[in-house]
Amino acid sequence: MIWVDPLSITRQLGSKWPVGQEKLARLRRLLPGPVVNLVRSPIKRAEPFEIPRRFLDRTMRVEDTRRHQRLENLLATRDGPRRSLWFTELTGDLQRKGVAYYKTRPLRSEAEIDAFLHQMIALADALATRGFDPRATGYESTAVIDADGMLVKTGSGNHRFCLARLVGLRRFPVQIVGAHEDWLRANVAAPVTVEAVIDCLPAVAARHAAPEQPQEACA
């Protein structure tokens, strides 16, 4: 785990299991969905730390993700979140399907959608005033190291990460779950060990620290 200035992470990779996702996509072309679901968890658990370069060519700017745009608009309409793009999207789902979802959370009425959006605004306010408390989340935001030693955001904790960027939070924790094969070869002697990677993390953290706040790396 390292603490970073979230604004220093500018790129997003959709999945924290890019290698496993490719394997699952191939299996879905050959096998029925229920069979593929049986091996989904083992494949994800087997995700390698060393990421082939082709997977990290698929990134996009954090600001260009739909998630970041929804949250930016929500905070811009915080005095009336029913005017937000997210409210419009969720109520559209509600009208078409009878239920809208945030991840696996069902939202079954406009009142529930409105309450959910107010909770997101409250989370943004908490981050702005109290900073990030990892004890309150129950999961970790994840990132991978690209070929140049810069972090790319992946997988878990993306909404909280985007909110941290939007409110100007300067310290945010990310769990390093992988690294570009070229970075590993340039910085970590074979065979790659957890200890050797941890020894490199202070240098990575330093490149992502707010200027006035040098950050630490921790195992």
C-alpha atoms as a PDB file:
ATOM      1  CA  MET A   1       0.000   0.000   0.000  1.00  0.00           C
ATOM      2  CA  ILE A   2       1.222   3.498  -0.782  1.00  0.00           C
ATOM      3  CA  TRP A   3      -0.294   6.918  -0.132  1.00  0.00           C
ATOM      4  CA  VAL A   4      -0.479   9.238  -3.122  1.00  0.00           C
ATOM      5  CA  ASP A   5      -1.883  12.528  -4.327  1.00  0.00           C
ATOM      6  CA  PRO A   6      -4.856  11.196  -6.350  1.00  0.00           C
ATOM      7  CA  LEU A   7      -4.383  13.940  -8.945  1.00  0.00           C
ATOM      8  CA  SER A   8      -1.001  12.406  -9.760  1.00  0.00           C
ATOM      9  CA  ILE A   9      -2.760   9.317 -11.153  1.00  0.00           C
ATOM     10  CA  THR A  10      -4.053  10.440 -14.523  1.00  0.00           C
ATOM     11  CA  ARG A  11      -4.845   7.155 -16.314  1.00  0.00           C
ATOM     12  CA  GLN A  12      -7.461   4.466 -15.711  1.00  0.00           C
ATOM     13  CA  LEU A  13      -7.359   0.773 -16.669  1.00  0.00           C
ATOM     14  CA  GLY A  14     -10.789  -0.831 -16.496  1.00  0.00           C
ATOM     15  CA  SER A  15      -9.978  -4.041 -14.634  1.00  0.00           C
ATOM     16  CA  LYS A  16      -7.528  -5.032 -11.935  1.00  0.00           C
ATOM     17  CA  TRP A  17      -7.555  -8.487 -13.548  1.00  0.00           C
ATOM     18  CA  PRO A  18      -6.699  -7.648 -17.187  1.00  0.00           C
ATOM     19  CA  VAL A  19      -5.004 -10.981 -17.897  1.00  0.00           C
ATOM     20  CA  GLY A  20      -7.823 -12.943 -16.272  1.00  0.00           C
ATOM     21  CA  GLN A  21     -10.449 -10.908 -18.092  1.00  0.00           C
ATOM     22  CA  GLU A  22      -8.907 -11.879 -21.420  1.00  0.00           C
ATOM     23  CA  LYS A  23      -8.933 -15.547 -20.445  1.00  0.00           C
ATOM     24  CA  LEU A  24     -12.571 -15.335 -19.388  1.00  0.00           C
ATOM     25  CA  ALA A  25     -13.516 -13.615 -22.654  1.00  0.00           C
ATOM     26  CA  ARG A  26     -11.936 -16.480 -24.615  1.00  0.00           C
ATOM     27  CA  LEU A  27     -13.741 -19.068 -22.508  1.00  0.00           C
ATOM     28  CA  ARG A  28     -17.102 -17.331 -23.026  1.00  0.00           C
ATOM     29  CA  ARG A  29     -16.711 -17.851 -26.761  1.00  0.00           C
ATOM     30  CA  LEU A  30     -16.296 -21.605 -26.203  1.00  0.00           C
ATOM     31  CA  LEU A  31     -18.327 -22.525 -23.123  1.00  0.00           C
ATOM     32  CA  PRO A  32     -21.766 -21.779 -21.624  1.00  0.00           C
ATOM     33  CA  GLY A  33     -21.923 -18.903 -19.162  1.00  0.00           C
ATOM     34  CA  PRO A  34     -22.634 -21.057 -16.074  1.00  0.00           C
ATOM     35  CA  VAL A  35     -19.533 -23.160 -16.782  1.00  0.00           C
ATOM     36  CA  VAL A  36     -17.350 -20.071 -17.181  1.00  0.00           C
ATOM     37  CA  ASN A  37     -18.696 -18.690 -13.901  1.00  0.00           C
ATOM     38  CA  LEU A  38     -17.369 -21.759 -12.094  1.00  0.00           C
ATOM     39  CA  VAL A  39     -13.775 -20.879 -13.018  1.00  0.00           C
ATOM     40  CA  ARG A  40     -14.126 -17.082 -12.758  1.00  0.00           C
ATOM     41  CA  SER A  41     -12.829 -16.800  -9.189  1.00  0.00           C
ATOM     42  CA  PRO A  42      -9.843 -19.177  -9.633  1.00  0.00           C
ATOM     43  CA  ILE A  43      -8.773 -17.332 -12.792  1.00  0.00           C
ATOM     44  CA  LYS A  44      -8.919 -13.970 -11.034  1.00  0.00           C
ATOM     45  CA  ARG A  45      -7.006 -15.315  -8.036  1.00  0.00           C
ATOM     46  CA  ALA A  46      -4.299 -16.490 -10.450  1.00  0.00           C
ATOM     47  CA  GLU A  47      -3.804 -12.985 -11.915  1.00  0.00           C
ATOM     48  CA  PRO A  48      -0.043 -12.448 -12.378  1.00  0.00           C
ATOM     49  CA  PHE A  49       1.699  -9.461 -10.813  1.00  0.00           C
ATOM     50  CA  GLU A  50       3.751  -9.024 -13.997  1.00  0.00           C
ATOM     51  CA  ILE A  51       1.454  -7.494 -16.625  1.00  0.00           C
ATOM     52  CA  PRO A  52       2.291  -7.918 -20.332  1.00  0.00           C
ATOM     53  CA  ARG A  53       2.687  -4.574 -22.063  1.00  0.00           C
ATOM     54  CA  ARG A  54      -0.319  -4.975 -24.372  1.00  0.00           C
ATOM     55  CA  PHE A  55      -2.743  -4.736 -21.456  1.00  0.00           C
ATOM     56  CA  LEU A  56      -1.442  -1.353 -20.329  1.00  0.00           C
ATOM     57  CA  ASP A  57      -1.955   0.102 -23.796  1.00  0.00           C
ATOM     58  CA  ARG A  58      -5.693   0.118 -23.054  1.00  0.00           C
ATOM     59  CA  THR A  59      -5.849   2.997 -20.577  1.00  0.00           C
ATOM     60  CA  MET A  60      -7.886   6.188 -20.727  1.00  0.00           C
ATOM     61  CA  ARG A  61      -7.770   9.509 -18.925  1.00  0.00           C
ATOM     62  CA  VAL A  62      -9.465   9.386 -15.523  1.00  0.00           C
ATOM     63  CA  GLU A  63     -11.425  12.544 -16.427  1.00  0.00           C
ATOM     64  CA  ASP A  64     -12.820  10.818 -19.509  1.00  0.00           C
ATOM     65  CA  THR A  65     -14.387   7.930 -17.595  1.00  0.00           C
ATOM     66  CA  ARG A  66     -18.146   8.032 -17.254  1.00  0.00           C
ATOM     67  CA  ARG A  67     -17.756   7.536 -13.504  1.00  0.00           C
ATOM     68  CA  HIS A  68     -15.640  10.680 -13.047  1.00  0.00           C
ATOM     69  CA  GLN A  69     -17.984  12.721 -15.239  1.00  0.00           C
ATOM     70  CA  ARG A  70     -21.058  11.614 -13.269  1.00  0.00           C
ATOM     71  CA  LEU A  71     -19.452  12.535  -9.969  1.00  0.00           C
ATOM     72  CA  GLU A  72     -18.130  15.868 -11.222  1.00  0.00           C
ATOM     73  CA  ASN A  73     -21.607  16.786 -12.426  1.00  0.00           C
ATOM     74  CA  LEU A  74     -23.187  15.557  -9.181  1.00  0.00           C
ATOM     75  CA  LEU A  75     -20.976  17.829  -7.095  1.00  0.00           C
ATOM     76  CA  ALA A  76     -21.743  20.716  -9.451  1.00  0.00           C
ATOM     77  CA  THR A  77     -25.461  20.170  -8.765  1.00  0.00           C
ATOM     78  CA  ARG A  78     -25.096  19.346  -5.077  1.00  0.00           C
ATOM     79  CA  ASP A  79     -27.774  21.877  -4.087  1.00  0.00           C
ATOM     80  CA  GLY A  80     -30.275  19.870  -6.145  1.00  0.00           C
ATOM     81  CA  PRO A  81     -28.984  16.419  -7.132  1.00  0.00           C
ATOM     82  CA  ARG A  82     -32.237  15.645  -8.947  1.00  0.00           C
ATOM     83  CA  ARG A  83     -30.823  17.957 -11.647  1.00  0.00           C
ATOM     84  CA  SER A  84     -27.727  15.774 -12.054  1.00  0.00           C
ATOM     85  CA  LEU A  85     -26.946  13.567 -15.022  1.00  0.00           C
ATOM     86  CA  TRP A  86     -26.669  10.587 -12.691  1.00  0.00           C
ATOM     87  CA  PHE A  87     -30.193  11.110 -11.375  1.00  0.00           C
ATOM     88  CA  THR A  88     -31.445  11.237 -14.958  1.00  0.00           C
ATOM     89  CA  GLU A  89     -29.619   8.017 -15.844  1.00  0.00           C
ATOM     90  CA  LEU A  90     -30.800   6.144 -12.762  1.00  0.00           C
ATOM     91  CA  THR A  91     -34.425   7.250 -13.084  1.00  0.00           C
ATOM     92  CA  GLY A  92     -34.291   6.235 -16.746  1.00  0.00           C
ATOM     93  CA  ASP A  93     -33.237   2.747 -15.671  1.00  0.00           C
ATOM     94  CA  LEU A  94     -35.980   2.768 -13.042  1.00  0.00           C
ATOM     95  CA  GLN A  95     -38.638   3.599 -15.617  1.00  0.00           C
ATOM     96  CA  ARG A  96     -37.449   1.008 -18.140  1.00  0.00           C
ATOM     97  CA  LYS A  97     -36.638  -1.887 -15.799  1.00  0.00           C
ATOM     98  CA  GLY A  98     -38.533  -1.191 -12.595  1.00  0.00           C
ATOM     99  CA  VAL A  99     -35.265  -0.954 -10.644  1.00  0.00           C
ATOM    100  CA  ALA A 100     -31.983   0.922 -10.973  1.00  0.00           C
ATOM    101  CA  TYR A 101     -28.655  -0.260  -9.597  1.00  0.00           C
ATOM    102  CA  TYR A 102     -25.545   1.223  -8.087  1.00  0.00           C
ATOM    103  CA  LYS A 103     -23.205  -1.774  -8.398  1.00  0.00           C
ATOM    104  CA  THR A 104     -25.338  -4.476  -6.705  1.00  0.00           C
ATOM    105  CA  ARG A 105     -27.427  -2.044  -4.641  1.00  0.00           C
ATOM    106  CA  PRO A 106     -31.037  -1.835  -5.933  1.00  0.00           C
ATOM    107  CA  LEU A 107     -32.718   1.570  -6.054  1.00  0.00           C
ATOM    108  CA  ARG A 108     -36.461   1.060  -6.385  1.00  0.00           C
ATOM    109  CA  SER A 109     -37.844   4.599  -6.344  1.00  0.00           C
ATOM    110  CA  GLU A 110     -36.868   8.177  -7.122  1.00  0.00           C
ATOM    111  CA  ALA A 111     -36.709   8.795  -3.382  1.00  0.00           C
ATOM    112  CA  GLU A 112     -34.132   5.996  -2.981  1.00  0.00           C
ATOM    113  CA  ILE A 113     -32.107   7.391  -5.879  1.00  0.00           C
ATOM    114  CA  ASP A 114     -32.212  10.857  -4.346  1.00  0.00           C
ATOM    115  CA  ALA A 115     -31.087   9.488  -0.960  1.00  0.00           C
ATOM    116  CA  PHE A 116     -28.259   7.551  -2.603  1.00  0.00           C
ATOM    117  CA  LEU A 117     -26.983  10.667  -4.387  1.00  0.00           C
ATOM    118  CA  HIS A 118     -27.091  12.641  -1.140  1.00  0.00           C
ATOM    119  CA  GLN A 119     -24.976   9.880   0.431  1.00  0.00           C
ATOM    120  CA  MET A 120     -22.388  10.304  -2.329  1.00  0.00           C
ATOM    121  CA  ILE A 121     -22.313  14.051  -1.696  1.00  0.00           C
ATOM    122  CA  ALA A 122     -21.911  13.386   2.043  1.00  0.00           C
ATOM    123  CA  LEU A 123     -18.987  11.055   1.258  1.00  0.00           C
ATOM    124  CA  ALA A 124     -17.352  13.814  -0.784  1.00  0.00           C
ATOM    125  CA  ASP A 125     -17.795  16.230   2.121  1.00  0.00           C
ATOM    126  CA  ALA A 126     -16.306  13.708   4.562  1.00  0.00           C
ATOM    127  CA  LEU A 127     -13.265  13.232   2.349  1.00  0.00           C
ATOM    128  CA  ALA A 128     -12.821  16.981   2.030  1.00  0.00           C
ATOM    129  CA  THR A 129     -13.063  17.662   5.751  1.00  0.00           C
ATOM    130  CA  ARG A 130     -11.603  14.555   7.397  1.00  0.00           C
ATOM    131  CA  GLY A 131      -9.467  12.945   4.712  1.00  0.00           C
ATOM    132  CA  PHE A 132      -9.491   9.279   3.810  1.00  0.00           C
ATOM    133  CA  ASP A 133     -10.062   6.740   6.569  1.00  0.00           C
ATOM    134  CA  PRO A 134      -9.236   3.241   5.204  1.00  0.00           C
ATOM    135  CA  ARG A 135     -10.864   1.661   8.260  1.00  0.00           C
ATOM    136  CA  ALA A 136     -14.248   2.895   7.042  1.00  0.00           C
ATOM    137  CA  THR A 137     -14.165   1.321   3.580  1.00  0.00           C
ATOM    138  CA  GLY A 138     -13.752  -2.451   3.897  1.00  0.00           C
ATOM    139  CA  TYR A 139     -11.893  -2.640   0.599  1.00  0.00           C
ATOM    140  CA  GLU A 140      -8.834  -1.163  -1.038  1.00  0.00           C
ATOM    141  CA  SER A 141      -8.468   1.014  -4.086  1.00  0.00           C
ATOM    142  CA  THR A 142      -6.045  -0.595  -6.504  1.00  0.00           C
ATOM    143  CA  ALA A 143      -3.442   0.542  -9.020  1.00  0.00           C
ATOM    144  CA  VAL A 144      -0.731  -0.907 -11.236  1.00  0.00           C
ATOM    145  CA  ILE A 145       2.695   0.466 -12.159  1.00  0.00           C
ATOM    146  CA  ASP A 146       3.251   1.306 -15.819  1.00  0.00           C
ATOM    147  CA  ALA A 147       6.502   1.016 -17.775  1.00  0.00           C
ATOM    148  CA  ASP A 148       7.641   4.484 -16.660  1.00  0.00           C
ATOM    149  CA  GLY A 149       7.006   3.879 -12.972  1.00  0.00           C
ATOM    150  CA  MET A 150       3.757   5.862 -12.923  1.00  0.00           C
ATOM    151  CA  LEU A 151       0.568   4.500 -11.397  1.00  0.00           C
ATOM    152  CA  VAL A 152      -2.548   3.574 -13.367  1.00  0.00           C
ATOM    153  CA  LYS A 153      -5.827   3.290 -11.435  1.00  0.00           C
ATOM    154  CA  THR A 154      -7.633  -0.040 -11.658  1.00  0.00           C
ATOM    155  CA  GLY A 155     -10.574  -1.937 -10.238  1.00  0.00           C
ATOM    156  CA  SER A 156     -11.736  -1.336  -6.685  1.00  0.00           C
ATOM    157  CA  GLY A 157     -12.562   1.953  -5.016  1.00  0.00           C
ATOM    158  CA  ASN A 158     -12.955   4.014  -8.161  1.00  0.00           C
ATOM    159  CA  HIS A 159     -15.849   6.186  -6.975  1.00  0.00           C
ATOM    160  CA  ARG A 160     -14.024   7.095  -3.783  1.00  0.00           C
ATOM    161  CA  PHE A 161     -10.859   7.746  -5.776  1.00  0.00           C
ATOM    162  CA  CYS A 162     -12.675  10.070  -8.189  1.00  0.00           C
ATOM    163  CA  LEU A 163     -14.319  11.930  -5.311  1.00  0.00           C
ATOM    164  CA  ALA A 164     -10.911  12.372  -3.667  1.00  0.00           C
ATOM    165  CA  ARG A 165      -9.600  13.945  -6.866  1.00  0.00           C
ATOM    166  CA  LEU A 166     -12.634  16.199  -7.216  1.00  0.00           C
ATOM    167  CA  VAL A 167     -12.490  17.583  -3.657  1.00  0.00           C
ATOM    168  CA  GLY A 168      -8.731  18.142  -3.802  1.00  0.00           C
ATOM    169  CA  LEU A 169      -7.680  15.487  -1.292  1.00  0.00           C
ATOM    170  CA  ARG A 170      -3.880  15.220  -1.253  1.00  0.00           C
ATOM    171  CA  ARG A 171      -3.397  11.828   0.420  1.00  0.00           C
ATOM    172  CA  PHE A 172      -5.151   8.695  -0.776  1.00  0.00           C
ATOM    173  CA  PRO A 173      -4.114   5.030  -0.320  1.00  0.00           C
ATOM    174  CA  VAL A 174      -3.793   2.616  -3.219  1.00  0.00           C
ATOM    175  CA  GLN A 175      -2.857  -1.044  -3.177  1.00  0.00           C
ATOM    176  CA  ILE A 176      -0.357  -2.029  -5.863  1.00  0.00           C
ATOM    177  CA  VAL A 177      -1.690  -5.176  -7.539  1.00  0.00           C
ATOM    178  CA  GLY A 178       0.536  -5.391 -10.618  1.00  0.00           C
ATOM    179  CA  ALA A 179       3.344  -3.871 -12.637  1.00  0.00           C
ATOM    180  CA  HIS A 180       4.253  -3.538 -16.308  1.00  0.00           C
ATOM    181  CA  GLU A 181       6.719  -6.223 -17.387  1.00  0.00           C
ATOM    182  CA  ASP A 182       9.231  -3.606 -18.604  1.00  0.00           C
ATOM    183  CA  TRP A 183       9.196  -1.757 -15.265  1.00  0.00           C
ATOM    184  CA  LEU A 184       9.809  -4.976 -13.369  1.00  0.00           C
ATOM    185  CA  ARG A 185      12.731  -5.943 -15.597  1.00  0.00           C
ATOM    186  CA  ALA A 186      14.284  -2.504 -15.228  1.00  0.00           C
ATOM    187  CA  ASN A 187      13.824  -2.171 -11.467  1.00  0.00           C
ATOM    188  CA  VAL A 188      13.566  -5.619  -9.866  1.00  0.00           C
ATOM    189  CA  ALA A 189      16.190  -8.316 -10.235  1.00  0.00           C
ATOM    190  CA  ALA A 190      14.900 -11.776 -11.123  1.00  0.00           C
ATOM    191  CA  PRO A 191      13.373 -13.718  -9.539  1.00  0.00           C
ATOM    192  CA  VAL A 192      10.743 -11.124  -8.609  1.00  0.00           C
ATOM    193  CA  THR A 193       9.797 -11.289  -4.924  1.00  0.00           C
ATOM    194  CA  VAL A 194       7.322  -9.355  -2.807  1.00  0.00           C
ATOM    195  CA  GLU A 195      10.206  -7.964  -0.760  1.00  0.00           C
ATOM    196  CA  ALA A 196      12.019  -6.697  -3.851  1.00  0.00           C
ATOM    197  CA  VAL A 197       8.899  -4.949  -5.142  1.00  0.00           C
ATOM    198  CA  ILE A 198       8.238  -3.353  -1.729  1.00  0.00           C
ATOM    199  CA  ASP A 199      11.786  -1.985  -1.744  1.00  0.00           C
ATOM    200  CA  CYS A 200      10.925  -0.102  -4.960  1.00  0.00           C
ATOM    201  CA  LEU A 201       7.659   1.376  -3.724  1.00  0.00           C
ATOM    202  CA  PRO A 202       9.098   4.445  -1.910  1.00  0.00           C
ATOM    203  CA  ALA A 203      10.445   5.698  -5.247  1.00  0.00           C
ATOM    204  CA  VAL A 204       7.049   5.148  -6.871  1.00  0.00           C
ATOM    205  CA  ALA A 205       5.299   6.884  -3.959  1.00  0.00           C
ATOM    206  CA  ALA A 206       7.670   9.860  -4.186  1.00  0.00           C
ATOM    207  CA  ARG A 207       6.649  10.442  -7.804  1.00  0.00           C
ATOM    208  CA  HIS A 208       2.992  10.596  -6.733  1.00  0.00           C
ATOM    209  CA  ALA A 209       3.268  12.751  -3.613  1.00  0.00           C
ATOM    210  CA  ALA A 210       1.771  16.195  -3.252  1.00  0.00           C
ATOM    211  CA  PRO A 211       4.695  18.665  -3.430  1.00  0.00           C
ATOM    212  CA  GLU A 212       4.375  19.793   0.169  1.00  0.00           C
ATOM    213  CA  GLN A 213       3.699  16.306   1.555  1.00  0.00           C
ATOM    214  CA  PRO A 214       6.319  13.607   0.905  1.00  0.00           C
ATOM    215  CA  GLN A 215       4.492  10.288   1.144  1.00  0.00           C
ATOM    216  CA  GLU A 216       5.431   6.977   2.650  1.00  0.00           C
ATOM    217  CA  ALA A 217       5.180   3.445   1.358  1.00  0.00           C
ATOM    218  CA  CYS A 218       4.116   0.676   3.685  1.00  0.00           C
ATOM    219  CA  ALA A 219       4.017  -3.077   3.392  1.00  0.00           C
END
